[in-house]
Amino acid sequence: KQCKKDGKTFWWYSNGTREYPAAARFKAGLFFWKTQAKGQLYWAYMNQRGDALNDFDTASSDHCAVYFKSDEIIPTIQWEGIRQGINDFKYLYTLEDAIRHAPESQKAEVAKAKKLLAEINKKTVIDLDQYRKILGSDLRIHDRSIIPPEQYDNYRDAVAAQIVSLKN
């Protein structure tokens, strides 16, 4: 809100290498969508020390969103969470675009789609003070998802159904 008020764009960053796929999915998808961020960065994508597949060969563990083994890329569960979140964002964006371009004859479908987006918006908590109240710390946004993981798929299915109804 402050960026918007100041006429600036909002970007954010996080650690993409922690093994909290639901939190990673939230931040890359619903959080990104609701905040209307213009970009996101991950401060660690591939930061290995020694053998990336062995966390016990150096004093501190590796920070890897993916692993490389010869010419093979090995994704991690957090990388899959980020990928899923980006796809969630794409679905939400596509539904918003379908609403903007819907003909007048689809008033009922548009109303239903807007109701769904309003529900998702309401359930998407981005206020760090709320994280502190609900989970005891504002930093929990990095490892906990207030939204149950299975709900992301339910939302995506509902959004996809609305997209299809508006595109027909």
C-alpha atoms as a PDB file:
ATOM      1  CA  LYS A   1       0.000   0.000   0.000  1.00  0.00           C
ATOM      2  CA  GLN A   2       2.835   2.366   0.861  1.00  0.00           C
ATOM      3  CA  CYS A   3       4.556   1.802  -2.484  1.00  0.00           C
ATOM      4  CA  LYS A   4       1.331   2.520  -4.322  1.00  0.00           C
ATOM      5  CA  LYS A   5       0.766   5.634  -2.229  1.00  0.00           C
ATOM      6  CA  ASP A   6       4.314   6.828  -2.974  1.00  0.00           C
ATOM      7  CA  GLY A   7       3.950   6.058  -6.696  1.00  0.00           C
ATOM      8  CA  LYS A   8       6.584   3.327  -6.499  1.00  0.00           C
ATOM      9  CA  THR A   9       6.574  -0.318  -7.523  1.00  0.00           C
ATOM     10  CA  PHE A  10       6.673  -3.163  -5.025  1.00  0.00           C
ATOM     11  CA  TRP A  11       9.268  -5.915  -5.337  1.00  0.00           C
ATOM     12  CA  TRP A  12      10.125  -8.473  -2.678  1.00  0.00           C
ATOM     13  CA  TYR A  13      12.670 -11.152  -2.052  1.00  0.00           C
ATOM     14  CA  SER A  14      12.893 -14.365  -0.104  1.00  0.00           C
ATOM     15  CA  ASN A  15      14.969 -17.491   0.276  1.00  0.00           C
ATOM     16  CA  GLY A  16      13.908 -19.992  -2.370  1.00  0.00           C
ATOM     17  CA  THR A  17      15.912 -22.842  -0.872  1.00  0.00           C
ATOM     18  CA  ARG A  18      14.095 -23.646   2.350  1.00  0.00           C
ATOM     19  CA  GLU A  19      12.052 -26.816   2.298  1.00  0.00           C
ATOM     20  CA  TYR A  20       8.633 -25.308   2.900  1.00  0.00           C
ATOM     21  CA  PRO A  21       6.794 -25.889  -0.389  1.00  0.00           C
ATOM     22  CA  ALA A  22       3.401 -24.556   0.783  1.00  0.00           C
ATOM     23  CA  ALA A  23       4.985 -21.275   1.941  1.00  0.00           C
ATOM     24  CA  ALA A  24       7.018 -21.050  -1.282  1.00  0.00           C
ATOM     25  CA  ARG A  25       3.865 -21.655  -3.330  1.00  0.00           C
ATOM     26  CA  PHE A  26       1.989 -19.000  -1.371  1.00  0.00           C
ATOM     27  CA  LYS A  27       4.651 -16.337  -1.840  1.00  0.00           C
ATOM     28  CA  ALA A  28       5.218 -17.056  -5.552  1.00  0.00           C
ATOM     29  CA  GLY A  29       1.482 -17.181  -6.259  1.00  0.00           C
ATOM     30  CA  LEU A  30      -1.282 -15.767  -4.079  1.00  0.00           C
ATOM     31  CA  PHE A  31       0.998 -13.347  -2.180  1.00  0.00           C
ATOM     32  CA  PHE A  32       2.467 -12.073  -5.453  1.00  0.00           C
ATOM     33  CA  TRP A  33      -1.017 -11.683  -6.951  1.00  0.00           C
ATOM     34  CA  LYS A  34      -2.587  -9.892  -3.988  1.00  0.00           C
ATOM     35  CA  THR A  35       0.322  -7.505  -3.412  1.00  0.00           C
ATOM     36  CA  GLN A  36       0.410  -6.681  -7.129  1.00  0.00           C
ATOM     37  CA  ALA A  37       4.192  -6.925  -6.931  1.00  0.00           C
ATOM     38  CA  LYS A  38       6.122  -6.179 -10.091  1.00  0.00           C
ATOM     39  CA  GLY A  39       8.822  -8.702  -9.342  1.00  0.00           C
ATOM     40  CA  GLN A  40      10.315 -11.128  -6.879  1.00  0.00           C
ATOM     41  CA  LEU A  41      13.860 -12.267  -6.281  1.00  0.00           C
ATOM     42  CA  TYR A  42      15.295 -15.211  -4.418  1.00  0.00           C
ATOM     43  CA  TRP A  43      18.578 -14.517  -2.645  1.00  0.00           C
ATOM     44  CA  ALA A  44      19.683 -18.114  -2.906  1.00  0.00           C
ATOM     45  CA  TYR A  45      19.068 -20.290  -5.942  1.00  0.00           C
ATOM     46  CA  MET A  46      22.229 -22.359  -6.057  1.00  0.00           C
ATOM     47  CA  ASN A  47      24.710 -21.820  -3.244  1.00  0.00           C
ATOM     48  CA  GLN A  48      26.512 -25.068  -2.743  1.00  0.00           C
ATOM     49  CA  ARG A  49      29.551 -25.781  -0.629  1.00  0.00           C
ATOM     50  CA  GLY A  50      31.423 -28.911  -1.574  1.00  0.00           C
ATOM     51  CA  ASP A  51      29.111 -31.725  -2.674  1.00  0.00           C
ATOM     52  CA  ALA A  52      25.652 -30.173  -3.070  1.00  0.00           C
ATOM     53  CA  LEU A  53      24.002 -33.524  -2.411  1.00  0.00           C
ATOM     54  CA  ASN A  54      25.771 -33.938   0.947  1.00  0.00           C
ATOM     55  CA  ASP A  55      24.796 -31.433   3.655  1.00  0.00           C
ATOM     56  CA  PHE A  56      27.348 -32.910   6.059  1.00  0.00           C
ATOM     57  CA  ASP A  57      30.554 -32.319   4.083  1.00  0.00           C
ATOM     58  CA  THR A  58      30.989 -28.686   5.215  1.00  0.00           C
ATOM     59  CA  ALA A  59      30.285 -26.626   8.338  1.00  0.00           C
ATOM     60  CA  SER A  60      26.995 -25.269   6.968  1.00  0.00           C
ATOM     61  CA  SER A  61      24.444 -26.803   4.665  1.00  0.00           C
ATOM     62  CA  ASP A  62      23.975 -25.940   1.027  1.00  0.00           C
ATOM     63  CA  HIS A  63      21.244 -23.579  -0.169  1.00  0.00           C
ATOM     64  CA  CYS A  64      19.935 -25.027  -3.406  1.00  0.00           C
ATOM     65  CA  ALA A  65      16.566 -24.644  -5.082  1.00  0.00           C
ATOM     66  CA  VAL A  66      17.770 -27.152  -7.670  1.00  0.00           C
ATOM     67  CA  TYR A  67      20.753 -29.456  -7.827  1.00  0.00           C
ATOM     68  CA  PHE A  68      22.986 -30.157 -10.778  1.00  0.00           C
ATOM     69  CA  LYS A  69      24.429 -33.607 -11.298  1.00  0.00           C
ATOM     70  CA  SER A  70      26.471 -33.834 -14.479  1.00  0.00           C
ATOM     71  CA  ASP A  71      24.084 -32.502 -17.114  1.00  0.00           C
ATOM     72  CA  GLU A  72      20.953 -33.283 -15.100  1.00  0.00           C
ATOM     73  CA  ILE A  73      18.930 -30.705 -13.153  1.00  0.00           C
ATOM     74  CA  ILE A  74      17.333 -32.138 -10.023  1.00  0.00           C
ATOM     75  CA  PRO A  75      14.442 -29.983  -8.742  1.00  0.00           C
ATOM     76  CA  THR A  76      13.659 -29.733  -5.034  1.00  0.00           C
ATOM     77  CA  ILE A  77      10.300 -29.628  -3.295  1.00  0.00           C
ATOM     78  CA  GLN A  78      10.714 -25.910  -2.663  1.00  0.00           C
ATOM     79  CA  TRP A  79      11.426 -25.323  -6.376  1.00  0.00           C
ATOM     80  CA  GLU A  80       8.233 -27.214  -7.188  1.00  0.00           C
ATOM     81  CA  GLY A  81       6.381 -25.012  -4.648  1.00  0.00           C
ATOM     82  CA  ILE A  82       7.672 -21.895  -6.423  1.00  0.00           C
ATOM     83  CA  ARG A  83       6.684 -23.330  -9.810  1.00  0.00           C
ATOM     84  CA  GLN A  84       3.198 -24.181  -8.532  1.00  0.00           C
ATOM     85  CA  GLY A  85       2.840 -20.657  -7.112  1.00  0.00           C
ATOM     86  CA  ILE A  86       3.826 -19.072 -10.420  1.00  0.00           C
ATOM     87  CA  ASN A  87       1.197 -21.226 -12.119  1.00  0.00           C
ATOM     88  CA  ASP A  88      -1.402 -20.159  -9.511  1.00  0.00           C
ATOM     89  CA  PHE A  89      -0.571 -16.544 -10.338  1.00  0.00           C
ATOM     90  CA  LYS A  90      -0.934 -17.216 -14.076  1.00  0.00           C
ATOM     91  CA  TYR A  91      -4.387 -18.727 -13.538  1.00  0.00           C
ATOM     92  CA  LEU A  92      -5.521 -15.751 -11.428  1.00  0.00           C
ATOM     93  CA  TYR A  93      -4.162 -13.296 -13.987  1.00  0.00           C
ATOM     94  CA  THR A  94      -5.863 -15.182 -16.806  1.00  0.00           C
ATOM     95  CA  LEU A  95      -9.202 -15.089 -14.965  1.00  0.00           C
ATOM     96  CA  GLU A  96      -8.870 -11.349 -14.354  1.00  0.00           C
ATOM     97  CA  ASP A  97      -8.109 -10.873 -18.047  1.00  0.00           C
ATOM     98  CA  ALA A  98     -11.106 -13.018 -19.024  1.00  0.00           C
ATOM     99  CA  ILE A  99     -13.327 -10.865 -16.787  1.00  0.00           C
ATOM    100  CA  ARG A 100     -12.009  -7.666 -18.406  1.00  0.00           C
ATOM    101  CA  HIS A 101     -12.732  -8.999 -21.891  1.00  0.00           C
ATOM    102  CA  ALA A 102     -16.011 -10.793 -21.208  1.00  0.00           C
ATOM    103  CA  PRO A 103     -18.941  -9.698 -23.358  1.00  0.00           C
ATOM    104  CA  GLU A 104     -21.993  -8.118 -21.763  1.00  0.00           C
ATOM    105  CA  SER A 105     -23.897 -11.362 -22.355  1.00  0.00           C
ATOM    106  CA  GLN A 106     -21.751 -13.077 -19.672  1.00  0.00           C
ATOM    107  CA  LYS A 107     -22.812 -10.889 -16.724  1.00  0.00           C
ATOM    108  CA  ALA A 108     -23.739 -13.890 -14.577  1.00  0.00           C
ATOM    109  CA  GLU A 109     -20.451 -15.702 -15.251  1.00  0.00           C
ATOM    110  CA  VAL A 110     -18.488 -12.488 -14.571  1.00  0.00           C
ATOM    111  CA  ALA A 111     -20.287 -12.023 -11.242  1.00  0.00           C
ATOM    112  CA  LYS A 112     -19.473 -15.602 -10.234  1.00  0.00           C
ATOM    113  CA  ALA A 113     -15.821 -15.182 -11.245  1.00  0.00           C
ATOM    114  CA  LYS A 114     -15.526 -11.901  -9.327  1.00  0.00           C
ATOM    115  CA  LYS A 115     -17.037 -13.565  -6.259  1.00  0.00           C
ATOM    116  CA  LEU A 116     -14.411 -16.320  -6.449  1.00  0.00           C
ATOM    117  CA  LEU A 117     -11.571 -13.792  -6.781  1.00  0.00           C
ATOM    118  CA  ALA A 118     -12.948 -11.836  -3.814  1.00  0.00           C
ATOM    119  CA  GLU A 119     -12.995 -15.018  -1.707  1.00  0.00           C
ATOM    120  CA  ILE A 120      -9.400 -15.867  -2.646  1.00  0.00           C
ATOM    121  CA  ASN A 121      -8.352 -12.273  -1.995  1.00  0.00           C
ATOM    122  CA  LYS A 122      -9.957 -12.314   1.448  1.00  0.00           C
ATOM    123  CA  LYS A 123      -8.265 -15.608   2.420  1.00  0.00           C
ATOM    124  CA  THR A 124      -4.860 -14.404   1.187  1.00  0.00           C
ATOM    125  CA  VAL A 125      -3.195 -12.782   4.191  1.00  0.00           C
ATOM    126  CA  ILE A 126      -0.297 -10.491   3.262  1.00  0.00           C
ATOM    127  CA  ASP A 127      -0.155  -8.358   6.400  1.00  0.00           C
ATOM    128  CA  LEU A 128       2.842  -9.430   8.469  1.00  0.00           C
ATOM    129  CA  ASP A 129       1.082  -8.242  11.645  1.00  0.00           C
ATOM    130  CA  GLN A 130      -1.587 -10.870  10.910  1.00  0.00           C
ATOM    131  CA  TYR A 131       1.096 -13.563  10.599  1.00  0.00           C
ATOM    132  CA  ARG A 132       2.392 -12.479  13.984  1.00  0.00           C
ATOM    133  CA  LYS A 133      -1.116 -12.741  15.488  1.00  0.00           C
ATOM    134  CA  ILE A 134      -1.983 -16.070  13.850  1.00  0.00           C
ATOM    135  CA  LEU A 135       1.375 -17.884  13.945  1.00  0.00           C
ATOM    136  CA  GLY A 136       3.326 -16.063  16.639  1.00  0.00           C
ATOM    137  CA  SER A 137       5.867 -14.397  14.343  1.00  0.00           C
ATOM    138  CA  ASP A 138       5.809 -12.314  11.187  1.00  0.00           C
ATOM    139  CA  LEU A 139       8.700 -14.456   9.930  1.00  0.00           C
ATOM    140  CA  ARG A 140       6.387 -17.480   9.768  1.00  0.00           C
ATOM    141  CA  ILE A 141       5.444 -16.251   6.269  1.00  0.00           C
ATOM    142  CA  HIS A 142       8.724 -17.908   5.210  1.00  0.00           C
ATOM    143  CA  ASP A 143       7.915 -21.384   6.503  1.00  0.00           C
ATOM    144  CA  ARG A 144       4.182 -21.628   7.148  1.00  0.00           C
ATOM    145  CA  SER A 145       1.137 -21.275   4.964  1.00  0.00           C
ATOM    146  CA  ILE A 146      -2.050 -20.090   6.591  1.00  0.00           C
ATOM    147  CA  ILE A 147      -3.891 -21.622   3.638  1.00  0.00           C
ATOM    148  CA  PRO A 148      -3.899 -25.453   3.797  1.00  0.00           C
ATOM    149  CA  PRO A 149      -1.818 -26.875   0.913  1.00  0.00           C
ATOM    150  CA  GLU A 150      -4.760 -28.771  -0.624  1.00  0.00           C
ATOM    151  CA  GLN A 151      -6.737 -25.515  -0.809  1.00  0.00           C
ATOM    152  CA  TYR A 152      -4.322 -24.170  -3.433  1.00  0.00           C
ATOM    153  CA  ASP A 153      -5.372 -26.939  -5.822  1.00  0.00           C
ATOM    154  CA  ASN A 154      -9.053 -26.356  -4.992  1.00  0.00           C
ATOM    155  CA  TYR A 155      -8.649 -22.662  -5.797  1.00  0.00           C
ATOM    156  CA  ARG A 156      -6.823 -23.420  -9.024  1.00  0.00           C
ATOM    157  CA  ASP A 157      -9.538 -25.855 -10.122  1.00  0.00           C
ATOM    158  CA  ALA A 158     -12.244 -23.274  -9.368  1.00  0.00           C
ATOM    159  CA  VAL A 159     -10.329 -20.520 -11.180  1.00  0.00           C
ATOM    160  CA  ALA A 160      -9.768 -22.783 -14.197  1.00  0.00           C
ATOM    161  CA  ALA A 161     -13.482 -23.607 -14.325  1.00  0.00           C
ATOM    162  CA  GLN A 162     -14.317 -19.893 -14.306  1.00  0.00           C
ATOM    163  CA  ILE A 163     -11.811 -19.199 -17.073  1.00  0.00           C
ATOM    164  CA  VAL A 164     -13.382 -21.910 -19.205  1.00  0.00           C
ATOM    165  CA  SER A 165     -16.903 -20.590 -18.556  1.00  0.00           C
ATOM    166  CA  LEU A 166     -15.859 -17.091 -19.641  1.00  0.00           C
ATOM    167  CA  LYS A 167     -13.963 -18.252 -22.706  1.00  0.00           C
ATOM    168  CA  ASN A 168     -16.919 -20.245 -24.046  1.00  0.00           C
END
